[in-house]
Amino acid sequence: MNLSMRDAQFLVLQPSMHSFFFFSKWLIKV
């Protein structure tokens, strides 16, 4: 159960970090 929760957190966090990184690059471009 604990592993499952950590796995879910990682899956949710990963795309969030990616979109934040992309947004940062876009801000620097503009």
PDB file of N, CA and C in Angstrom:
ATOM      1  N   MET A   1       0.835  -1.203   0.000  1.00  0.00           N
ATOM      2  CA  MET A   1       0.000   0.000   0.000  1.00  0.00           C
ATOM      3  C   MET A   1       0.876   1.262   0.000  1.00  0.00           C
ATOM      4  N   ASN A   2       1.887   1.239   0.840  1.00  0.00           N
ATOM      5  CA  ASN A   2       2.765   2.405   0.917  1.00  0.00           C
ATOM      6  C   ASN A   2       3.474   2.632  -0.414  1.00  0.00           C
ATOM      7  N   LEU A   3       3.939   1.523  -1.026  1.00  0.00           N
ATOM      8  CA  LEU A   3       4.630   1.615  -2.309  1.00  0.00           C
ATOM      9  C   LEU A   3       3.683   2.164  -3.374  1.00  0.00           C
ATOM     10  N   SER A   4       2.430   1.720  -3.304  1.00  0.00           N
ATOM     11  CA  SER A   4       1.435   2.165  -4.283  1.00  0.00           C
ATOM     12  C   SER A   4       1.217   3.671  -4.172  1.00  0.00           C
ATOM     13  N   MET A   5       1.143   4.149  -2.947  1.00  0.00           N
ATOM     14  CA  MET A   5       0.918   5.582  -2.735  1.00  0.00           C
ATOM     15  C   MET A   5       2.101   6.392  -3.253  1.00  0.00           C
ATOM     16  N   ARG A   6       3.298   5.899  -2.980  1.00  0.00           N
ATOM     17  CA  ARG A   6       4.500   6.594  -3.453  1.00  0.00           C
ATOM     18  C   ARG A   6       4.550   6.596  -4.979  1.00  0.00           C
ATOM     19  N   ASP A   7       4.159   5.466  -5.575  1.00  0.00           N
ATOM     20  CA  ASP A   7       4.139   5.347  -7.032  1.00  0.00           C
ATOM     21  C   ASP A   7       3.177   6.362  -7.636  1.00  0.00           C
ATOM     22  N   ALA A   8       1.995   6.471  -7.026  1.00  0.00           N
ATOM     23  CA  ALA A   8       0.981   7.402  -7.529  1.00  0.00           C
ATOM     24  C   ALA A   8       1.486   8.833  -7.395  1.00  0.00           C
ATOM     25  N   GLN A   9       2.119   9.137  -6.273  1.00  0.00           N
ATOM     26  CA  GLN A   9       2.636  10.485  -6.054  1.00  0.00           C
ATOM     27  C   GLN A   9       3.681  10.825  -7.124  1.00  0.00           C
ATOM     28  N   PHE A  10       4.547   9.856  -7.437  1.00  0.00           N
ATOM     29  CA  PHE A  10       5.590  10.060  -8.436  1.00  0.00           C
ATOM     30  C   PHE A  10       4.978  10.318  -9.811  1.00  0.00           C
ATOM     31  N   LEU A  11       3.928   9.536 -10.137  1.00  0.00           N
ATOM     32  CA  LEU A  11       3.279   9.680 -11.443  1.00  0.00           C
ATOM     33  C   LEU A  11       2.607  11.035 -11.571  1.00  0.00           C
ATOM     34  N   VAL A  12       2.065  11.524 -10.454  1.00  0.00           N
ATOM     35  CA  VAL A  12       1.374  12.822 -10.483  1.00  0.00           C
ATOM     36  C   VAL A  12       2.389  13.956 -10.493  1.00  0.00           C
ATOM     37  N   LEU A  13       3.493  13.762  -9.779  1.00  0.00           N
ATOM     38  CA  LEU A  13       4.500  14.815  -9.659  1.00  0.00           C
ATOM     39  C   LEU A  13       5.290  14.977 -10.956  1.00  0.00           C
ATOM     40  N   GLN A  14       5.593  13.863 -11.626  1.00  0.00           N
ATOM     41  CA  GLN A  14       6.438  13.892 -12.820  1.00  0.00           C
ATOM     42  C   GLN A  14       5.898  14.823 -13.911  1.00  0.00           C
ATOM     43  N   PRO A  15       4.651  14.665 -14.371  1.00  0.00           N
ATOM     44  CA  PRO A  15       4.125  15.549 -15.409  1.00  0.00           C
ATOM     45  C   PRO A  15       4.048  16.995 -14.930  1.00  0.00           C
ATOM     46  N   SER A  16       3.798  17.177 -13.646  1.00  0.00           N
ATOM     47  CA  SER A  16       3.705  18.530 -13.087  1.00  0.00           C
ATOM     48  C   SER A  16       5.046  19.247 -13.234  1.00  0.00           C
ATOM     49  N   MET A  17       6.131  18.548 -12.895  1.00  0.00           N
ATOM     50  CA  MET A  17       7.459  19.129 -13.009  1.00  0.00           C
ATOM     51  C   MET A  17       7.793  19.409 -14.473  1.00  0.00           C
ATOM     52  N   HIS A  18       7.403  18.515 -15.361  1.00  0.00           N
ATOM     53  CA  HIS A  18       7.692  18.668 -16.784  1.00  0.00           C
ATOM     54  C   HIS A  18       6.999  19.914 -17.335  1.00  0.00           C
ATOM     55  N   SER A  19       5.723  20.087 -17.002  1.00  0.00           N
ATOM     56  CA  SER A  19       4.973  21.236 -17.506  1.00  0.00           C
ATOM     57  C   SER A  19       5.535  22.525 -16.908  1.00  0.00           C
ATOM     58  N   PHE A  20       5.982  22.467 -15.660  1.00  0.00           N
ATOM     59  CA  PHE A  20       6.561  23.656 -15.022  1.00  0.00           C
ATOM     60  C   PHE A  20       7.863  24.041 -15.720  1.00  0.00           C
ATOM     61  N   PHE A  21       8.668  23.033 -16.069  1.00  0.00           N
ATOM     62  CA  PHE A  21       9.929  23.266 -16.771  1.00  0.00           C
ATOM     63  C   PHE A  21       9.663  23.872 -18.149  1.00  0.00           C
ATOM     64  N   PHE A  22       8.652  23.330 -18.842  1.00  0.00           N
ATOM     65  CA  PHE A  22       8.294  23.830 -20.163  1.00  0.00           C
ATOM     66  C   PHE A  22       7.811  25.276 -20.068  1.00  0.00           C
ATOM     67  N   PHE A  23       7.013  25.559 -19.040  1.00  0.00           N
ATOM     68  CA  PHE A  23       6.486  26.906 -18.839  1.00  0.00           C
ATOM     69  C   PHE A  23       7.627  27.885 -18.562  1.00  0.00           C
ATOM     70  N   SER A  24       8.626  27.432 -17.795  1.00  0.00           N
ATOM     71  CA  SER A  24       9.775  28.282 -17.479  1.00  0.00           C
ATOM     72  C   SER A  24      10.545  28.611 -18.753  1.00  0.00           C
ATOM     73  N   LYS A  25      10.749  27.610 -19.600  1.00  0.00           N
ATOM     74  CA  LYS A  25      11.460  27.830 -20.867  1.00  0.00           C
ATOM     75  C   LYS A  25      10.695  28.822 -21.733  1.00  0.00           C
ATOM     76  N   TRP A  26       9.358  28.690 -21.734  1.00  0.00           N
ATOM     77  CA  TRP A  26       8.526  29.584 -22.543  1.00  0.00           C
ATOM     78  C   TRP A  26       8.630  31.015 -22.019  1.00  0.00           C
ATOM     79  N   LEU A  27       8.649  31.158 -20.682  1.00  0.00           N
ATOM     80  CA  LEU A  27       8.751  32.487 -20.081  1.00  0.00           C
ATOM     81  C   LEU A  27      10.075  33.139 -20.459  1.00  0.00           C
ATOM     82  N   ILE A  28      11.147  32.335 -20.453  1.00  0.00           N
ATOM     83  CA  ILE A  28      12.466  32.873 -20.802  1.00  0.00           C
ATOM     84  C   ILE A  28      12.497  33.266 -22.277  1.00  0.00           C
ATOM     85  N   LYS A  29      11.821  32.484 -23.114  1.00  0.00           N
ATOM     86  CA  LYS A  29      11.775  32.788 -24.546  1.00  0.00           C
ATOM     87  C   LYS A  29      11.092  34.131 -24.774  1.00  0.00           C
ATOM     88  N   VAL A  30      10.009  34.366 -24.057  1.00  0.00           N
ATOM     89  CA  VAL A  30       9.244  35.614 -24.206  1.00  0.00           C
ATOM     90  C   VAL A  30       9.897  36.692 -23.341  1.00  0.00           C
TER      91      VAL A  30
END
